Amino acid sequence: MGTLFTLIFYAPDDSTAQSAADLAFKRIEQLNTILSDYDPNSNLNKLSERSGSDKYIPVDSTLFTVVSKSQEVAEETNGAFDITIGPFVRLWREIRQMEEPKLPDRKVLKDLSTRIGYQNVALDSSTTSIALEQENMQLDLGAIAKGYTTDEVLRILGNQNIHSALIDAGGDIRVGDPPPGKNGWIIRIPVHTKEGTSNNITLQLSNRAVATSGDLFQYVYINGERYSHIINPKSGMGLTTQSMVTVIAPDGITADSYASALSVMDAEEGISLINQKCSVEGRIEYQHQTEEGIKINQSAHFNRLILDSE
């Protein structure tokens, strides 16, 4: 999945800890062979290879679960979250690796757009089968797979009677019970003030997930414009509005997917959606195209999760 997984947990002894860690990382490797778009032999890529008809293809139950959740979020966000975005993602990977990056040709974007659209994904829960109804589709689960994997790791550890744990998947964090003698796990999130100066907020969480999405590190300059690695599924273009989104949710798959969706959505619409979700909180900071300074929108009860600020 193109990221580093770090596990922190409390076990009664070394042998229990080592056994639990081995099982957890074995599951991570297994999920990578199912969900990764980097692995040409993954269950995900094998499904994409068979796109272009209304034939339902049986898939691993894990893949079916993640795609089903993806489709739910796509519906709720009117396509701001869309796992069929793979062709656009691969195009921009190539652009970012160029010595002299150039904007994609409009005709190229138009051609690729015919292969994109969550409406072209059909599910059959009775047989855990999926149909990709357009030719040359390429699913990309980069905005949801890490979150799901953190949930799975916490489940694996729980099966070993290890419940006090933190899983970090490249910034997507899932925590279980608090560390011994503590009220929760301390997680510090970098943020900015409205004036643009760096700051931090400190969260104290247990049995929750927190995901961040933004273009602070992955972007490319073309003709003096800054283009994010986050792609708008409807235009095929990298976002030009710098932003950072934080979502806190009961599980990783929810936090990861909504953080990605809110990066694409209008900030007010995104926070309105989060305010309708039980036990989900969100914060968006972004630079408005016509106004100076950093704009901040956050859900109604986000501040309740802040331990302190610096």
C-alpha atoms as a PDB file:
ATOM      1  CA  MET A   1       0.000   0.000   0.000  1.00  0.00           C
ATOM      2  CA  GLY A   2       3.023   2.237  -0.358  1.00  0.00           C
ATOM      3  CA  THR A   3       3.412   3.195   3.289  1.00  0.00           C
ATOM      4  CA  LEU A   4       5.075   2.228   6.558  1.00  0.00           C
ATOM      5  CA  PHE A   5       3.070   0.526   9.315  1.00  0.00           C
ATOM      6  CA  THR A   6       4.086   1.059  12.935  1.00  0.00           C
ATOM      7  CA  LEU A   7       2.556  -0.863  15.845  1.00  0.00           C
ATOM      8  CA  ILE A   8       2.691   0.122  19.514  1.00  0.00           C
ATOM      9  CA  PHE A   9       0.935  -2.136  22.003  1.00  0.00           C
ATOM     10  CA  TYR A  10       1.085  -3.523  25.519  1.00  0.00           C
ATOM     11  CA  ALA A  11       1.463  -7.285  26.040  1.00  0.00           C
ATOM     12  CA  PRO A  12       2.077  -9.385  29.151  1.00  0.00           C
ATOM     13  CA  ASP A  13       5.441 -10.736  27.920  1.00  0.00           C
ATOM     14  CA  ASP A  14       7.902 -10.722  25.028  1.00  0.00           C
ATOM     15  CA  SER A  15       6.779 -13.960  23.441  1.00  0.00           C
ATOM     16  CA  THR A  16       3.145 -12.855  23.354  1.00  0.00           C
ATOM     17  CA  ALA A  17       4.192  -9.512  21.886  1.00  0.00           C
ATOM     18  CA  GLN A  18       6.322 -11.113  19.172  1.00  0.00           C
ATOM     19  CA  SER A  19       3.640 -13.627  18.240  1.00  0.00           C
ATOM     20  CA  ALA A  20       0.989 -10.896  18.015  1.00  0.00           C
ATOM     21  CA  ALA A  21       3.253  -8.661  15.936  1.00  0.00           C
ATOM     22  CA  ASP A  22       4.016 -11.508  13.535  1.00  0.00           C
ATOM     23  CA  LEU A  23       0.315 -12.194  13.039  1.00  0.00           C
ATOM     24  CA  ALA A  24      -0.429  -8.500  12.541  1.00  0.00           C
ATOM     25  CA  PHE A  25       2.262  -7.950   9.917  1.00  0.00           C
ATOM     26  CA  LYS A  26       1.306 -11.182   8.184  1.00  0.00           C
ATOM     27  CA  ARG A  27      -2.228  -9.811   7.853  1.00  0.00           C
ATOM     28  CA  ILE A  28      -0.885  -6.502   6.515  1.00  0.00           C
ATOM     29  CA  GLU A  29       1.065  -8.380   3.834  1.00  0.00           C
ATOM     30  CA  GLN A  30      -2.016 -10.417   2.981  1.00  0.00           C
ATOM     31  CA  LEU A  31      -4.143  -7.285   2.629  1.00  0.00           C
ATOM     32  CA  ASN A  32      -1.503  -5.739   0.396  1.00  0.00           C
ATOM     33  CA  THR A  33      -1.847  -8.660  -2.023  1.00  0.00           C
ATOM     34  CA  ILE A  34      -5.590  -8.003  -2.107  1.00  0.00           C
ATOM     35  CA  LEU A  35      -5.972  -4.207  -2.029  1.00  0.00           C
ATOM     36  CA  SER A  36      -2.804  -2.709  -3.531  1.00  0.00           C
ATOM     37  CA  ASP A  37      -2.830  -1.050  -6.953  1.00  0.00           C
ATOM     38  CA  TYR A  38       0.991  -1.223  -7.004  1.00  0.00           C
ATOM     39  CA  ASP A  39       1.003  -5.047  -7.077  1.00  0.00           C
ATOM     40  CA  PRO A  40       0.092  -6.232 -10.597  1.00  0.00           C
ATOM     41  CA  ASN A  41      -1.094  -9.553  -9.173  1.00  0.00           C
ATOM     42  CA  SER A  42      -3.323  -8.126  -6.452  1.00  0.00           C
ATOM     43  CA  ASN A  43      -6.964  -9.138  -6.300  1.00  0.00           C
ATOM     44  CA  LEU A  44      -7.801  -5.483  -6.994  1.00  0.00           C
ATOM     45  CA  ASN A  45      -5.739  -5.298 -10.196  1.00  0.00           C
ATOM     46  CA  LYS A  46      -6.979  -8.663 -11.415  1.00  0.00           C
ATOM     47  CA  LEU A  47     -10.513  -7.329 -11.072  1.00  0.00           C
ATOM     48  CA  SER A  48      -9.610  -4.157 -12.982  1.00  0.00           C
ATOM     49  CA  GLU A  49      -8.127  -6.257 -15.781  1.00  0.00           C
ATOM     50  CA  ARG A  50     -11.546  -7.834 -16.315  1.00  0.00           C
ATOM     51  CA  SER A  51     -13.461  -4.574 -16.611  1.00  0.00           C
ATOM     52  CA  GLY A  52     -15.600  -3.790 -19.613  1.00  0.00           C
ATOM     53  CA  SER A  53     -18.704  -5.918 -19.277  1.00  0.00           C
ATOM     54  CA  ASP A  54     -21.674  -6.468 -17.007  1.00  0.00           C
ATOM     55  CA  LYS A  55     -20.224  -9.796 -15.881  1.00  0.00           C
ATOM     56  CA  TYR A  56     -19.883 -10.140 -12.109  1.00  0.00           C
ATOM     57  CA  ILE A  57     -16.455 -11.350 -10.970  1.00  0.00           C
ATOM     58  CA  PRO A  58     -16.161 -13.167  -7.614  1.00  0.00           C
ATOM     59  CA  VAL A  59     -13.629 -11.377  -5.411  1.00  0.00           C
ATOM     60  CA  ASP A  60     -12.055 -11.818  -2.001  1.00  0.00           C
ATOM     61  CA  SER A  61     -14.514 -10.929   0.754  1.00  0.00           C
ATOM     62  CA  THR A  62     -12.103  -8.265   2.019  1.00  0.00           C
ATOM     63  CA  LEU A  63     -12.038  -6.521  -1.352  1.00  0.00           C
ATOM     64  CA  PHE A  64     -15.828  -6.679  -1.518  1.00  0.00           C
ATOM     65  CA  THR A  65     -16.104  -5.066   1.926  1.00  0.00           C
ATOM     66  CA  VAL A  66     -13.765  -2.191   1.057  1.00  0.00           C
ATOM     67  CA  VAL A  67     -15.374  -1.534  -2.330  1.00  0.00           C
ATOM     68  CA  SER A  68     -18.849  -1.605  -0.743  1.00  0.00           C
ATOM     69  CA  LYS A  69     -17.817   1.029   1.808  1.00  0.00           C
ATOM     70  CA  SER A  70     -16.221   3.054  -0.983  1.00  0.00           C
ATOM     71  CA  GLN A  71     -19.450   3.064  -2.941  1.00  0.00           C
ATOM     72  CA  GLU A  72     -21.390   4.259   0.104  1.00  0.00           C
ATOM     73  CA  VAL A  73     -19.023   7.196   0.594  1.00  0.00           C
ATOM     74  CA  ALA A  74     -19.110   7.973  -3.136  1.00  0.00           C
ATOM     75  CA  GLU A  75     -22.905   8.202  -3.018  1.00  0.00           C
ATOM     76  CA  GLU A  76     -22.865  10.413   0.077  1.00  0.00           C
ATOM     77  CA  THR A  77     -20.269  12.788  -1.378  1.00  0.00           C
ATOM     78  CA  ASN A  78     -21.726  12.926  -4.900  1.00  0.00           C
ATOM     79  CA  GLY A  79     -18.563  11.433  -6.346  1.00  0.00           C
ATOM     80  CA  ALA A  80     -15.993  13.515  -4.479  1.00  0.00           C
ATOM     81  CA  PHE A  81     -14.764  10.140  -3.260  1.00  0.00           C
ATOM     82  CA  ASP A  82     -14.401   7.750  -6.201  1.00  0.00           C
ATOM     83  CA  ILE A  83     -12.222   4.628  -6.308  1.00  0.00           C
ATOM     84  CA  THR A  84     -12.459   4.439 -10.114  1.00  0.00           C
ATOM     85  CA  ILE A  85     -10.035   7.376 -10.237  1.00  0.00           C
ATOM     86  CA  GLY A  86      -7.077   5.061 -10.938  1.00  0.00           C
ATOM     87  CA  PRO A  87      -6.369   6.249 -14.515  1.00  0.00           C
ATOM     88  CA  PHE A  88      -6.112   9.867 -13.346  1.00  0.00           C
ATOM     89  CA  VAL A  89      -3.911   8.880 -10.386  1.00  0.00           C
ATOM     90  CA  ARG A  90      -1.471   6.995 -12.593  1.00  0.00           C
ATOM     91  CA  LEU A  91      -1.322   9.892 -15.045  1.00  0.00           C
ATOM     92  CA  TRP A  92      -0.373  12.354 -12.299  1.00  0.00           C
ATOM     93  CA  ARG A  93       2.201   9.964 -10.834  1.00  0.00           C
ATOM     94  CA  GLU A  94       3.946  10.099 -14.188  1.00  0.00           C
ATOM     95  CA  ILE A  95       3.655  13.894 -14.315  1.00  0.00           C
ATOM     96  CA  ARG A  96       5.213  14.323 -10.847  1.00  0.00           C
ATOM     97  CA  GLN A  97       8.173  12.161 -11.892  1.00  0.00           C
ATOM     98  CA  MET A  98       8.954  14.236 -15.000  1.00  0.00           C
ATOM     99  CA  GLU A  99      12.084  16.394 -14.985  1.00  0.00           C
ATOM    100  CA  GLU A 100       9.961  19.212 -16.431  1.00  0.00           C
ATOM    101  CA  PRO A 101       6.330  18.449 -15.447  1.00  0.00           C
ATOM    102  CA  LYS A 102       3.629  19.491 -17.906  1.00  0.00           C
ATOM    103  CA  LEU A 103      -0.121  19.702 -17.544  1.00  0.00           C
ATOM    104  CA  PRO A 104      -2.028  16.802 -19.078  1.00  0.00           C
ATOM    105  CA  ASP A 105      -3.512  17.351 -22.512  1.00  0.00           C
ATOM    106  CA  ARG A 106      -7.249  18.053 -22.416  1.00  0.00           C
ATOM    107  CA  LYS A 107      -7.899  15.260 -24.906  1.00  0.00           C
ATOM    108  CA  VAL A 108      -6.017  12.808 -22.687  1.00  0.00           C
ATOM    109  CA  LEU A 109      -8.158  13.823 -19.703  1.00  0.00           C
ATOM    110  CA  LYS A 110     -11.322  13.518 -21.765  1.00  0.00           C
ATOM    111  CA  ASP A 111     -10.350  10.037 -22.961  1.00  0.00           C
ATOM    112  CA  LEU A 112      -9.499   8.879 -19.458  1.00  0.00           C
ATOM    113  CA  SER A 113     -12.743  10.303 -18.059  1.00  0.00           C
ATOM    114  CA  THR A 114     -14.726   7.675 -20.004  1.00  0.00           C
ATOM    115  CA  ARG A 115     -13.141   5.039 -17.752  1.00  0.00           C
ATOM    116  CA  ILE A 116     -14.039   6.824 -14.523  1.00  0.00           C
ATOM    117  CA  GLY A 117     -17.238   6.986 -12.489  1.00  0.00           C
ATOM    118  CA  TYR A 118     -18.337   5.127  -9.385  1.00  0.00           C
ATOM    119  CA  GLN A 119     -21.706   4.526 -11.079  1.00  0.00           C
ATOM    120  CA  ASN A 120     -19.894   1.992 -13.291  1.00  0.00           C
ATOM    121  CA  VAL A 121     -19.230  -0.298 -10.322  1.00  0.00           C
ATOM    122  CA  ALA A 122     -21.939  -2.864  -9.545  1.00  0.00           C
ATOM    123  CA  LEU A 123     -22.028  -5.114  -6.484  1.00  0.00           C
ATOM    124  CA  ASP A 124     -23.688  -8.458  -5.803  1.00  0.00           C
ATOM    125  CA  SER A 125     -23.560  -9.203  -2.094  1.00  0.00           C
ATOM    126  CA  SER A 126     -25.119 -12.650  -2.491  1.00  0.00           C
ATOM    127  CA  THR A 127     -22.015 -13.868  -4.320  1.00  0.00           C
ATOM    128  CA  THR A 128     -19.457 -11.233  -3.168  1.00  0.00           C
ATOM    129  CA  SER A 129     -18.998 -10.347  -6.821  1.00  0.00           C
ATOM    130  CA  ILE A 130     -18.217  -7.054  -8.568  1.00  0.00           C
ATOM    131  CA  ALA A 131     -18.818  -5.889 -12.133  1.00  0.00           C
ATOM    132  CA  LEU A 132     -16.831  -3.020 -13.689  1.00  0.00           C
ATOM    133  CA  GLU A 133     -19.022  -1.932 -16.546  1.00  0.00           C
ATOM    134  CA  GLN A 134     -16.636   0.296 -18.533  1.00  0.00           C
ATOM    135  CA  GLU A 135     -13.555  -0.890 -20.412  1.00  0.00           C
ATOM    136  CA  ASN A 136     -10.047  -0.286 -19.039  1.00  0.00           C
ATOM    137  CA  MET A 137     -11.184   0.777 -15.586  1.00  0.00           C
ATOM    138  CA  GLN A 138      -8.581   0.929 -12.822  1.00  0.00           C
ATOM    139  CA  LEU A 139      -9.696   0.930  -9.214  1.00  0.00           C
ATOM    140  CA  ASP A 140      -7.509   2.735  -6.688  1.00  0.00           C
ATOM    141  CA  LEU A 141      -8.078   2.146  -2.983  1.00  0.00           C
ATOM    142  CA  GLY A 142      -5.295   4.445  -1.817  1.00  0.00           C
ATOM    143  CA  ALA A 143      -7.793   6.665  -0.010  1.00  0.00           C
ATOM    144  CA  ILE A 144      -9.396   3.890   2.041  1.00  0.00           C
ATOM    145  CA  ALA A 145      -7.240   0.741   2.190  1.00  0.00           C
ATOM    146  CA  LYS A 146      -4.876   1.970   4.886  1.00  0.00           C
ATOM    147  CA  GLY A 147      -7.773   2.830   7.174  1.00  0.00           C
ATOM    148  CA  TYR A 148      -9.344  -0.587   6.704  1.00  0.00           C
ATOM    149  CA  THR A 149      -5.986  -2.246   7.375  1.00  0.00           C
ATOM    150  CA  THR A 150      -5.556  -0.447  10.697  1.00  0.00           C
ATOM    151  CA  ASP A 151      -8.957  -1.782  11.746  1.00  0.00           C
ATOM    152  CA  GLU A 152      -7.879  -5.294  10.790  1.00  0.00           C
ATOM    153  CA  VAL A 153      -4.628  -5.023  12.731  1.00  0.00           C
ATOM    154  CA  LEU A 154      -6.493  -3.910  15.848  1.00  0.00           C
ATOM    155  CA  ARG A 155      -8.832  -6.886  15.394  1.00  0.00           C
ATOM    156  CA  ILE A 156      -5.904  -9.298  15.058  1.00  0.00           C
ATOM    157  CA  LEU A 157      -4.286  -7.933  18.214  1.00  0.00           C
ATOM    158  CA  GLY A 158      -7.606  -8.164  20.048  1.00  0.00           C
ATOM    159  CA  ASN A 159      -7.824 -11.849  19.127  1.00  0.00           C
ATOM    160  CA  GLN A 160      -4.527 -12.249  21.003  1.00  0.00           C
ATOM    161  CA  ASN A 161      -6.069 -10.518  24.027  1.00  0.00           C
ATOM    162  CA  ILE A 162      -4.098  -7.333  23.313  1.00  0.00           C
ATOM    163  CA  HIS A 163      -6.442  -4.371  23.483  1.00  0.00           C
ATOM    164  CA  SER A 164      -4.206  -1.427  24.373  1.00  0.00           C
ATOM    165  CA  ALA A 165      -2.695  -0.603  20.994  1.00  0.00           C
ATOM    166  CA  LEU A 166      -1.904   2.102  18.463  1.00  0.00           C
ATOM    167  CA  ILE A 167      -1.473   1.440  14.735  1.00  0.00           C
ATOM    168  CA  ASP A 168       0.064   4.100  12.532  1.00  0.00           C
ATOM    169  CA  ALA A 169      -0.216   3.609   8.743  1.00  0.00           C
ATOM    170  CA  GLY A 170       1.643   6.574   7.325  1.00  0.00           C
ATOM    171  CA  GLY A 171      -0.392   9.056   9.366  1.00  0.00           C
ATOM    172  CA  ASP A 172      -3.661   7.117   9.469  1.00  0.00           C
ATOM    173  CA  ILE A 173      -3.911   6.218  13.139  1.00  0.00           C
ATOM    174  CA  ARG A 174      -6.138   3.672  14.868  1.00  0.00           C
ATOM    175  CA  VAL A 175      -6.133   3.268  18.640  1.00  0.00           C
ATOM    176  CA  GLY A 176      -7.713   0.738  20.954  1.00  0.00           C
ATOM    177  CA  ASP A 177      -7.931   0.882  24.723  1.00  0.00           C
ATOM    178  CA  PRO A 178      -5.739   3.494  26.460  1.00  0.00           C
ATOM    179  CA  PRO A 179      -2.208   2.646  27.632  1.00  0.00           C
ATOM    180  CA  PRO A 180      -2.123   1.263  31.177  1.00  0.00           C
ATOM    181  CA  GLY A 181      -2.868   3.965  33.718  1.00  0.00           C
ATOM    182  CA  LYS A 182      -3.769   6.543  31.072  1.00  0.00           C
ATOM    183  CA  ASN A 183      -7.049   8.064  29.920  1.00  0.00           C
ATOM    184  CA  GLY A 184      -6.201   7.751  26.245  1.00  0.00           C
ATOM    185  CA  TRP A 185      -3.529   7.860  23.571  1.00  0.00           C
ATOM    186  CA  ILE A 186      -1.951  11.269  23.052  1.00  0.00           C
ATOM    187  CA  ILE A 187      -1.900  12.252  19.385  1.00  0.00           C
ATOM    188  CA  ARG A 188      -0.580  15.589  18.215  1.00  0.00           C
ATOM    189  CA  ILE A 189      -1.827  17.021  14.914  1.00  0.00           C
ATOM    190  CA  PRO A 190       0.054  19.853  13.146  1.00  0.00           C
ATOM    191  CA  VAL A 191      -2.268  22.722  12.231  1.00  0.00           C
ATOM    192  CA  HIS A 192      -2.076  26.410  11.370  1.00  0.00           C
ATOM    193  CA  THR A 193      -3.633  29.556  12.704  1.00  0.00           C
ATOM    194  CA  LYS A 194      -5.746  31.784  10.475  1.00  0.00           C
ATOM    195  CA  GLU A 195      -2.641  33.947  10.008  1.00  0.00           C
ATOM    196  CA  GLY A 196      -0.682  30.945   8.695  1.00  0.00           C
ATOM    197  CA  THR A 197       1.680  30.267  11.587  1.00  0.00           C
ATOM    198  CA  SER A 198       2.329  26.640  12.569  1.00  0.00           C
ATOM    199  CA  ASN A 199       0.631  25.239  15.634  1.00  0.00           C
ATOM    200  CA  ASN A 200      -0.410  21.899  17.136  1.00  0.00           C
ATOM    201  CA  ILE A 201      -3.542  20.466  18.641  1.00  0.00           C
ATOM    202  CA  THR A 202      -3.335  17.572  21.063  1.00  0.00           C
ATOM    203  CA  LEU A 203      -5.972  14.854  21.006  1.00  0.00           C
ATOM    204  CA  GLN A 204      -6.613  12.239  23.674  1.00  0.00           C
ATOM    205  CA  LEU A 205      -8.321   9.272  22.057  1.00  0.00           C
ATOM    206  CA  SER A 206      -9.261   5.678  22.748  1.00  0.00           C
ATOM    207  CA  ASN A 207     -11.070   3.200  20.498  1.00  0.00           C
ATOM    208  CA  ARG A 208     -11.120   5.760  17.719  1.00  0.00           C
ATOM    209  CA  ALA A 209      -9.338   6.514  14.461  1.00  0.00           C
ATOM    210  CA  VAL A 210      -7.865   9.731  13.129  1.00  0.00           C
ATOM    211  CA  ALA A 211      -6.846  10.355   9.525  1.00  0.00           C
ATOM    212  CA  THR A 212      -5.319  13.367   7.858  1.00  0.00           C
ATOM    213  CA  SER A 213      -5.366  14.205   4.184  1.00  0.00           C
ATOM    214  CA  GLY A 214      -3.706  17.077   2.423  1.00  0.00           C
ATOM    215  CA  ASP A 215      -1.072  18.232  -0.023  1.00  0.00           C
ATOM    216  CA  LEU A 216       1.553  19.579   2.330  1.00  0.00           C
ATOM    217  CA  PHE A 217       4.176  17.113   1.048  1.00  0.00           C
ATOM    218  CA  GLN A 218       3.023  15.652  -2.269  1.00  0.00           C
ATOM    219  CA  TYR A 219       2.586  18.209  -5.017  1.00  0.00           C
ATOM    220  CA  VAL A 220       4.148  19.533  -8.195  1.00  0.00           C
ATOM    221  CA  TYR A 221       4.644  23.038  -9.614  1.00  0.00           C
ATOM    222  CA  ILE A 222       3.644  23.532 -13.256  1.00  0.00           C
ATOM    223  CA  ASN A 223       3.748  26.957 -14.891  1.00  0.00           C
ATOM    224  CA  GLY A 224       3.975  28.560 -11.462  1.00  0.00           C
ATOM    225  CA  GLU A 225       0.838  26.787 -10.154  1.00  0.00           C
ATOM    226  CA  ARG A 226       0.922  24.274  -7.319  1.00  0.00           C
ATOM    227  CA  TYR A 227      -0.940  21.036  -8.099  1.00  0.00           C
ATOM    228  CA  SER A 228      -1.741  18.535  -5.350  1.00  0.00           C
ATOM    229  CA  HIS A 229      -1.367  14.760  -5.566  1.00  0.00           C
ATOM    230  CA  ILE A 230      -5.065  14.736  -4.599  1.00  0.00           C
ATOM    231  CA  ILE A 231      -7.106  14.509  -7.785  1.00  0.00           C
ATOM    232  CA  ASN A 232     -10.605  15.803  -8.390  1.00  0.00           C
ATOM    233  CA  PRO A 233     -12.415  12.780  -9.905  1.00  0.00           C
ATOM    234  CA  LYS A 234     -14.696  15.027 -11.938  1.00  0.00           C
ATOM    235  CA  SER A 235     -11.980  17.050 -13.673  1.00  0.00           C
ATOM    236  CA  GLY A 236      -8.944  14.804 -13.556  1.00  0.00           C
ATOM    237  CA  MET A 237      -6.851  17.725 -12.298  1.00  0.00           C
ATOM    238  CA  GLY A 238      -4.748  17.957  -9.178  1.00  0.00           C
ATOM    239  CA  LEU A 239      -6.240  20.304  -6.612  1.00  0.00           C
ATOM    240  CA  THR A 240      -4.782  23.803  -6.515  1.00  0.00           C
ATOM    241  CA  THR A 241      -6.324  24.871  -3.194  1.00  0.00           C
ATOM    242  CA  GLN A 242      -3.877  23.884  -0.470  1.00  0.00           C
ATOM    243  CA  SER A 243      -5.637  22.144   2.388  1.00  0.00           C
ATOM    244  CA  MET A 244      -5.280  19.828   5.328  1.00  0.00           C
ATOM    245  CA  VAL A 245      -8.180  17.725   6.567  1.00  0.00           C
ATOM    246  CA  THR A 246      -8.436  15.831   9.833  1.00  0.00           C
ATOM    247  CA  VAL A 247     -11.242  13.361  10.491  1.00  0.00           C
ATOM    248  CA  ILE A 248     -11.839  11.472  13.738  1.00  0.00           C
ATOM    249  CA  ALA A 249     -14.177   8.476  13.558  1.00  0.00           C
ATOM    250  CA  PRO A 250     -15.020   5.213  15.331  1.00  0.00           C
ATOM    251  CA  ASP A 251     -12.958   3.189  12.827  1.00  0.00           C
ATOM    252  CA  GLY A 252     -10.127   3.624  10.368  1.00  0.00           C
ATOM    253  CA  ILE A 253     -12.022   2.876   7.181  1.00  0.00           C
ATOM    254  CA  THR A 254     -14.437   5.736   7.936  1.00  0.00           C
ATOM    255  CA  ALA A 255     -11.782   8.239   8.985  1.00  0.00           C
ATOM    256  CA  ASP A 256      -9.575   7.497   5.969  1.00  0.00           C
ATOM    257  CA  SER A 257     -12.306   7.688   3.338  1.00  0.00           C
ATOM    258  CA  TYR A 258     -13.981  10.827   4.685  1.00  0.00           C
ATOM    259  CA  ALA A 259     -10.662  12.639   5.071  1.00  0.00           C
ATOM    260  CA  SER A 260     -10.003  11.990   1.399  1.00  0.00           C
ATOM    261  CA  ALA A 261     -13.510  13.039   0.360  1.00  0.00           C
ATOM    262  CA  LEU A 262     -13.415  16.285   2.339  1.00  0.00           C
ATOM    263  CA  SER A 263     -10.168  17.252   0.607  1.00  0.00           C
ATOM    264  CA  VAL A 264     -12.110  17.416  -2.669  1.00  0.00           C
ATOM    265  CA  MET A 265     -15.444  18.749  -1.433  1.00  0.00           C
ATOM    266  CA  ASP A 266     -16.336  22.357  -0.757  1.00  0.00           C
ATOM    267  CA  ALA A 267     -15.322  22.981   2.860  1.00  0.00           C
ATOM    268  CA  GLU A 268     -18.763  24.012   4.086  1.00  0.00           C
ATOM    269  CA  GLU A 269     -20.456  21.070   2.357  1.00  0.00           C
ATOM    270  CA  GLY A 270     -17.869  18.693   3.771  1.00  0.00           C
ATOM    271  CA  ILE A 271     -18.319  19.849   7.359  1.00  0.00           C
ATOM    272  CA  SER A 272     -22.099  19.798   6.918  1.00  0.00           C
ATOM    273  CA  LEU A 273     -21.825  16.134   5.934  1.00  0.00           C
ATOM    274  CA  ILE A 274     -19.634  15.331   8.944  1.00  0.00           C
ATOM    275  CA  ASN A 275     -22.075  17.068  11.290  1.00  0.00           C
ATOM    276  CA  GLN A 276     -24.717  14.583  10.155  1.00  0.00           C
ATOM    277  CA  LYS A 277     -22.544  11.595  11.110  1.00  0.00           C
ATOM    278  CA  CYS A 278     -22.736  10.028  14.544  1.00  0.00           C
ATOM    279  CA  SER A 279     -19.389  10.002  16.395  1.00  0.00           C
ATOM    280  CA  VAL A 280     -17.491  11.563  13.471  1.00  0.00           C
ATOM    281  CA  GLU A 281     -15.689  14.895  13.759  1.00  0.00           C
ATOM    282  CA  GLY A 282     -13.719  16.845  11.176  1.00  0.00           C
ATOM    283  CA  ARG A 283     -11.519  19.883  10.692  1.00  0.00           C
ATOM    284  CA  ILE A 284     -10.554  21.540   7.394  1.00  0.00           C
ATOM    285  CA  GLU A 285      -7.984  24.253   6.912  1.00  0.00           C
ATOM    286  CA  TYR A 286      -7.452  25.650   3.446  1.00  0.00           C
ATOM    287  CA  GLN A 287      -6.316  28.665   1.494  1.00  0.00           C
ATOM    288  CA  HIS A 288      -9.133  30.441  -0.298  1.00  0.00           C
ATOM    289  CA  GLN A 289      -8.355  31.310  -3.909  1.00  0.00           C
ATOM    290  CA  THR A 290      -9.419  34.953  -3.571  1.00  0.00           C
ATOM    291  CA  GLU A 291      -8.883  35.693   0.113  1.00  0.00           C
ATOM    292  CA  GLU A 292      -5.744  35.984   2.200  1.00  0.00           C
ATOM    293  CA  GLY A 293      -4.971  33.834   5.198  1.00  0.00           C
ATOM    294  CA  ILE A 294      -6.040  30.318   6.096  1.00  0.00           C
ATOM    295  CA  LYS A 295      -9.711  29.461   6.431  1.00  0.00           C
ATOM    296  CA  ILE A 296     -10.738  26.953   9.089  1.00  0.00           C
ATOM    297  CA  ASN A 297     -13.971  24.962   9.208  1.00  0.00           C
ATOM    298  CA  GLN A 298     -14.644  22.297  11.769  1.00  0.00           C
ATOM    299  CA  SER A 299     -17.519  20.165  12.986  1.00  0.00           C
ATOM    300  CA  ALA A 300     -19.698  21.123  15.917  1.00  0.00           C
ATOM    301  CA  HIS A 301     -17.990  18.999  18.559  1.00  0.00           C
ATOM    302  CA  PHE A 302     -14.425  18.741  17.257  1.00  0.00           C
ATOM    303  CA  ASN A 303     -13.043  20.863  20.111  1.00  0.00           C
ATOM    304  CA  ARG A 304     -14.344  18.373  22.673  1.00  0.00           C
ATOM    305  CA  LEU A 305     -11.623  15.947  21.570  1.00  0.00           C
ATOM    306  CA  ILE A 306      -8.794  18.459  22.025  1.00  0.00           C
ATOM    307  CA  LEU A 307      -6.804  17.929  25.226  1.00  0.00           C
ATOM    308  CA  ASP A 308      -4.922  21.200  24.926  1.00  0.00           C
ATOM    309  CA  SER A 309      -3.287  23.361  22.300  1.00  0.00           C
ATOM    310  CA  GLU A 310       0.123  24.840  21.892  1.00  0.00           C
END
